[in-house]
Amino acid sequence: MDRKCICENCEFRNIVFSLLSDQEVQDLCNNKHEFSFAKGELIHREGDPVVYFKYLKSGLVKLYRTTSTGEEQVITITKPFEFVSNINIFSDERYSYSVAAVEDSVVCAVKLDFIRKISLANGSFAMGLLSKISKVNEKIIIQTLDIRQRNLAGRVAYILLYFANEIYGTRVFDLPVSRQEIADFIGMSSANVIRTLSDFKKDGILKVNGKTIEISDIGRLETMSRIG
């Protein structure tokens, strides 16, 4: 845990905390901690008490729920500076979802009592924070609906394009999740995901080397996602 205060230089300040005064930023630093999580490590579990307002500083995480049979339902996989862990922090005392690192990640955690206190004192900050959380919630809803309206090939294509365009910004990337996690994300079996990736490779849409994915024909992949 690192208590060093570097809030004044943090990228996140430009997103929401720019609405704080210098004194409020200093107060924030006194209530902030950083935690490092290795790939696969649990950041918090569904049902854990909500103590901190958390945001992802670096890395990649997945938001998920566990069914009564022990299966994971992946809700979204997201990049830094999105509030996936904070969906219900103002409405419930315990987390409704689990969050785990899918890459080595650093999470900044601010005491929730401080966030509530400063929200009451600074209306602009409160509105900015709620606006950001609302946009993330809307993104998750739209993403879920977009996936559900596609067939198997369309769902796999959609997720590959999501990683390429929104997460990494490149057509060549190391897939950060397992085939099973993709299956949990898109609501299909891992066998179907493996077969679809194999079909994409055979058709010249992808090059696959272990975890490394290269999108060879992004036009065809976009068409597959759109009509799937």
Protein backbone atom coordinates (compact mmCIF):
# COMPACT_ATOMS: atom_id res chain seq x y z
CA MET A 1 0.00 0.00 0.00
CA ASP A 2 1.49 3.36 -1.05
CA ARG A 3 0.33 6.48 0.82
CA LYS A 4 2.46 8.85 -1.27
CA CYS A 5 0.36 11.77 -2.47
CA ILE A 6 0.62 12.40 -6.20
CA CYS A 7 -3.00 13.42 -6.81
CA GLU A 8 -2.02 16.78 -8.26
CA ASN A 9 -0.32 14.97 -11.18
CA CYS A 10 -2.77 12.11 -11.56
CA GLU A 11 -4.50 11.70 -14.93
CA PHE A 12 -7.69 10.99 -13.06
CA ARG A 13 -7.80 14.53 -11.71
CA ASN A 14 -8.46 15.76 -15.25
CA ILE A 15 -11.54 13.53 -15.48
CA VAL A 16 -13.43 14.29 -12.26
CA PHE A 17 -11.14 15.62 -9.57
CA SER A 18 -10.43 18.78 -11.59
CA LEU A 19 -13.64 20.02 -9.96
CA LEU A 20 -11.92 20.03 -6.57
CA SER A 21 -10.06 22.95 -5.03
CA ASP A 22 -6.39 22.61 -4.18
CA GLN A 23 -7.28 22.12 -0.52
CA GLU A 24 -9.85 19.45 -1.44
CA VAL A 25 -7.22 17.70 -3.54
CA GLN A 26 -4.86 17.71 -0.55
CA ASP A 27 -7.64 16.30 1.63
CA LEU A 28 -8.23 13.65 -1.03
CA CYS A 29 -4.58 12.66 -0.91
CA ASN A 30 -4.83 12.19 2.84
CA ASN A 31 -7.69 9.73 2.29
CA LYS A 32 -6.28 7.85 -0.72
CA HIS A 33 -4.37 4.59 -0.91
CA GLU A 34 -2.97 2.62 -3.85
CA PHE A 35 -3.18 -1.16 -4.06
CA SER A 36 -1.43 -3.41 -6.58
CA PHE A 37 -3.08 -6.59 -7.85
CA ALA A 38 -1.48 -9.36 -9.88
CA LYS A 39 -3.24 -10.84 -12.91
CA GLY A 40 -6.06 -13.07 -11.67
CA GLU A 41 -6.14 -11.55 -8.19
CA LEU A 42 -9.48 -10.61 -6.64
CA ILE A 43 -9.93 -6.88 -6.00
CA HIS A 44 -13.14 -7.40 -4.08
CA ARG A 45 -15.78 -10.08 -3.86
CA GLU A 46 -19.54 -9.83 -4.27
CA GLY A 47 -20.95 -9.31 -0.78
CA ASP A 48 -17.87 -7.58 0.64
CA PRO A 49 -18.64 -4.38 2.58
CA VAL A 50 -18.21 -1.13 0.63
CA VAL A 51 -15.50 0.88 2.38
CA TYR A 52 -13.71 2.58 -0.50
CA PHE A 53 -14.49 4.44 -3.69
CA LYS A 54 -12.18 2.68 -6.15
CA TYR A 55 -10.89 3.56 -9.59
CA LEU A 56 -8.50 1.68 -11.83
CA LYS A 57 -5.25 3.59 -12.35
CA SER A 58 -3.57 1.03 -14.61
CA GLY A 59 -4.20 -2.47 -15.90
CA LEU A 60 -7.44 -4.20 -16.85
CA VAL A 61 -10.27 -5.67 -14.75
CA LYS A 62 -13.41 -7.72 -15.15
CA LEU A 63 -16.71 -7.16 -13.37
CA TYR A 64 -18.68 -10.36 -12.76
CA ARG A 65 -21.18 -12.25 -10.65
CA THR A 66 -21.05 -15.88 -9.56
CA THR A 67 -24.11 -18.08 -10.06
CA SER A 68 -25.47 -20.54 -7.50
CA THR A 69 -23.67 -23.30 -9.41
CA GLY A 70 -20.32 -21.51 -9.17
CA GLU A 71 -20.18 -20.27 -12.76
CA GLU A 72 -19.01 -16.76 -13.57
CA GLN A 73 -21.16 -14.26 -15.46
CA VAL A 74 -18.77 -11.64 -16.81
CA ILE A 75 -20.57 -8.30 -17.09
CA THR A 76 -17.78 -6.23 -18.60
CA ILE A 77 -14.02 -6.00 -19.02
CA THR A 78 -12.74 -2.49 -18.71
CA LYS A 79 -9.71 -0.22 -18.84
CA PRO A 80 -8.38 2.46 -16.44
CA PHE A 81 -10.39 5.44 -15.20
CA GLU A 82 -13.78 3.74 -15.49
CA PHE A 83 -15.84 3.25 -12.36
CA VAL A 84 -16.81 -0.40 -12.65
CA SER A 85 -16.37 -1.04 -8.94
CA ASN A 86 -18.56 1.89 -7.95
CA ILE A 87 -21.88 1.02 -9.60
CA ASN A 88 -23.79 0.56 -6.34
CA ILE A 89 -21.60 2.26 -3.71
CA PHE A 90 -24.16 5.00 -2.96
CA SER A 91 -27.14 2.63 -2.78
CA ASP A 92 -25.87 -0.48 -0.96
CA GLU A 93 -23.58 -1.28 1.93
CA ARG A 94 -22.12 -4.32 0.16
CA TYR A 95 -20.84 -4.89 -3.37
CA SER A 96 -23.29 -6.53 -5.77
CA TYR A 97 -20.48 -7.65 -8.09
CA SER A 98 -16.97 -9.04 -7.89
CA VAL A 99 -14.01 -7.32 -9.56
CA ALA A 100 -10.78 -9.14 -10.47
CA ALA A 101 -7.61 -8.13 -12.31
CA VAL A 102 -7.17 -9.64 -15.77
CA GLU A 103 -3.81 -7.87 -16.10
CA ASP A 104 -1.45 -6.64 -13.40
CA SER A 105 -3.36 -3.62 -12.11
CA VAL A 106 -3.12 -0.67 -9.73
CA VAL A 107 -6.27 0.52 -7.98
CA CYS A 108 -6.62 3.86 -6.20
CA ALA A 109 -8.98 3.69 -3.26
CA VAL A 110 -10.48 6.72 -1.53
CA LYS A 111 -12.40 6.35 1.71
CA LEU A 112 -16.09 6.37 0.83
CA ASP A 113 -16.98 8.56 3.80
CA PHE A 114 -14.66 11.23 2.39
CA ILE A 115 -16.28 11.00 -1.07
CA ARG A 116 -19.73 11.40 0.51
CA LYS A 117 -18.54 14.35 2.60
CA ILE A 118 -16.93 16.19 -0.29
CA SER A 119 -19.97 15.50 -2.53
CA LEU A 120 -22.19 17.30 -0.02
CA ALA A 121 -19.79 20.23 0.15
CA ASN A 122 -19.03 20.49 -3.58
CA GLY A 123 -22.08 20.18 -5.82
CA SER A 124 -20.10 20.44 -9.06
CA PHE A 125 -17.92 17.52 -8.02
CA ALA A 126 -20.97 15.47 -7.03
CA MET A 127 -22.66 16.10 -10.38
CA GLY A 128 -19.49 15.30 -12.30
CA LEU A 129 -19.02 12.07 -10.38
CA LEU A 130 -22.62 10.95 -10.86
CA SER A 131 -22.43 11.83 -14.55
CA LYS A 132 -19.30 9.70 -14.98
CA ILE A 133 -20.79 6.73 -13.12
CA SER A 134 -24.01 7.03 -15.16
CA LYS A 135 -22.05 6.96 -18.42
CA VAL A 136 -20.23 3.81 -17.34
CA ASN A 137 -23.54 2.15 -16.38
CA GLU A 138 -25.02 3.13 -19.73
CA LYS A 139 -22.00 1.71 -21.54
CA ILE A 140 -22.40 -1.62 -19.76
CA ILE A 141 -26.11 -1.79 -20.61
CA ILE A 142 -25.53 -0.94 -24.28
CA GLN A 143 -22.66 -3.42 -24.52
CA THR A 144 -24.79 -6.19 -23.00
CA LEU A 145 -27.67 -5.51 -25.42
CA ASP A 146 -25.28 -5.33 -28.39
CA ILE A 147 -23.83 -8.73 -27.51
CA ARG A 148 -27.21 -10.37 -26.95
CA GLN A 149 -28.56 -9.40 -30.37
CA ARG A 150 -25.71 -11.19 -32.17
CA ASN A 151 -25.20 -14.83 -33.03
CA LEU A 152 -22.11 -16.78 -31.91
CA ALA A 153 -19.74 -15.56 -34.64
CA GLY A 154 -21.01 -12.01 -34.25
CA ARG A 155 -20.46 -12.07 -30.49
CA VAL A 156 -16.87 -13.29 -30.78
CA ALA A 157 -16.17 -10.72 -33.50
CA TYR A 158 -17.68 -7.99 -31.33
CA ILE A 159 -15.43 -8.84 -28.38
CA LEU A 160 -12.29 -9.00 -30.52
CA LEU A 161 -13.10 -5.57 -31.95
CA TYR A 162 -13.75 -4.27 -28.43
CA PHE A 163 -10.27 -5.32 -27.35
CA ALA A 164 -8.68 -3.99 -30.55
CA ASN A 165 -10.47 -0.64 -30.72
CA GLU A 166 -11.38 0.34 -27.17
CA ILE A 167 -8.89 -1.44 -24.92
CA TYR A 168 -5.60 -1.61 -26.82
CA GLY A 169 -6.01 0.62 -29.88
CA THR A 170 -4.18 -1.86 -32.11
CA ARG A 171 -4.98 -4.85 -34.31
CA VAL A 172 -2.24 -6.94 -32.68
CA PHE A 173 -2.61 -7.65 -28.97
CA ASP A 174 -2.28 -10.36 -26.36
CA LEU A 175 -5.71 -11.59 -25.40
CA PRO A 176 -5.91 -10.78 -21.67
CA VAL A 177 -8.60 -13.32 -20.86
CA SER A 178 -9.08 -17.04 -21.35
CA ARG A 179 -11.44 -18.60 -23.86
CA GLN A 180 -13.65 -19.52 -20.90
CA GLU A 181 -13.79 -15.89 -19.76
CA ILE A 182 -14.79 -14.81 -23.27
CA ALA A 183 -17.50 -17.47 -23.17
CA ASP A 184 -18.68 -16.16 -19.78
CA PHE A 185 -18.74 -12.64 -21.23
CA ILE A 186 -20.77 -13.44 -24.35
CA GLY A 187 -23.02 -16.15 -22.91
CA MET A 188 -21.70 -19.05 -24.99
CA SER A 189 -19.70 -22.21 -24.25
CA SER A 190 -15.89 -22.18 -24.32
CA ALA A 191 -16.00 -24.93 -26.98
CA ASN A 192 -18.02 -22.61 -29.24
CA VAL A 193 -15.57 -19.76 -28.66
CA ILE A 194 -12.58 -21.99 -29.49
CA ARG A 195 -14.27 -23.27 -32.64
CA THR A 196 -15.21 -19.76 -33.78
CA LEU A 197 -11.66 -18.46 -33.27
CA SER A 198 -10.41 -21.45 -35.25
CA ASP A 199 -12.86 -20.66 -38.06
CA PHE A 200 -11.75 -17.00 -38.12
CA LYS A 201 -8.14 -18.16 -38.35
CA LYS A 202 -8.92 -20.64 -41.13
CA ASP A 203 -10.80 -17.96 -43.08
CA GLY A 204 -7.85 -15.58 -42.87
CA ILE A 205 -9.61 -13.07 -40.61
CA LEU A 206 -7.21 -13.66 -37.71
CA LYS A 207 -3.73 -14.88 -37.01
CA VAL A 208 -3.55 -16.62 -33.65
CA ASN A 209 -0.34 -17.52 -31.86
CA GLY A 210 -1.10 -18.60 -28.32
CA LYS A 211 -2.57 -15.53 -26.61
CA THR A 212 -1.44 -13.17 -29.38
CA ILE A 213 -4.22 -12.11 -31.74
CA GLU A 214 -3.58 -10.31 -35.02
CA ILE A 215 -6.63 -9.08 -36.92
CA SER A 216 -5.63 -9.67 -40.54
CA ASP A 217 -8.90 -8.59 -42.17
CA ILE A 218 -10.64 -6.07 -39.95
CA GLY A 219 -13.25 -5.30 -42.63
CA ARG A 220 -14.52 -8.88 -42.61
CA LEU A 221 -14.42 -8.98 -38.81
CA GLU A 222 -16.47 -5.76 -38.64
CA THR A 223 -18.96 -7.22 -41.12
CA MET A 224 -19.15 -10.42 -39.05
CA SER A 225 -19.85 -8.36 -35.94
CA ARG A 226 -22.42 -6.16 -37.66
CA ILE A 227 -24.50 -8.87 -39.33
CA GLY A 228 -23.92 -11.56 -36.70
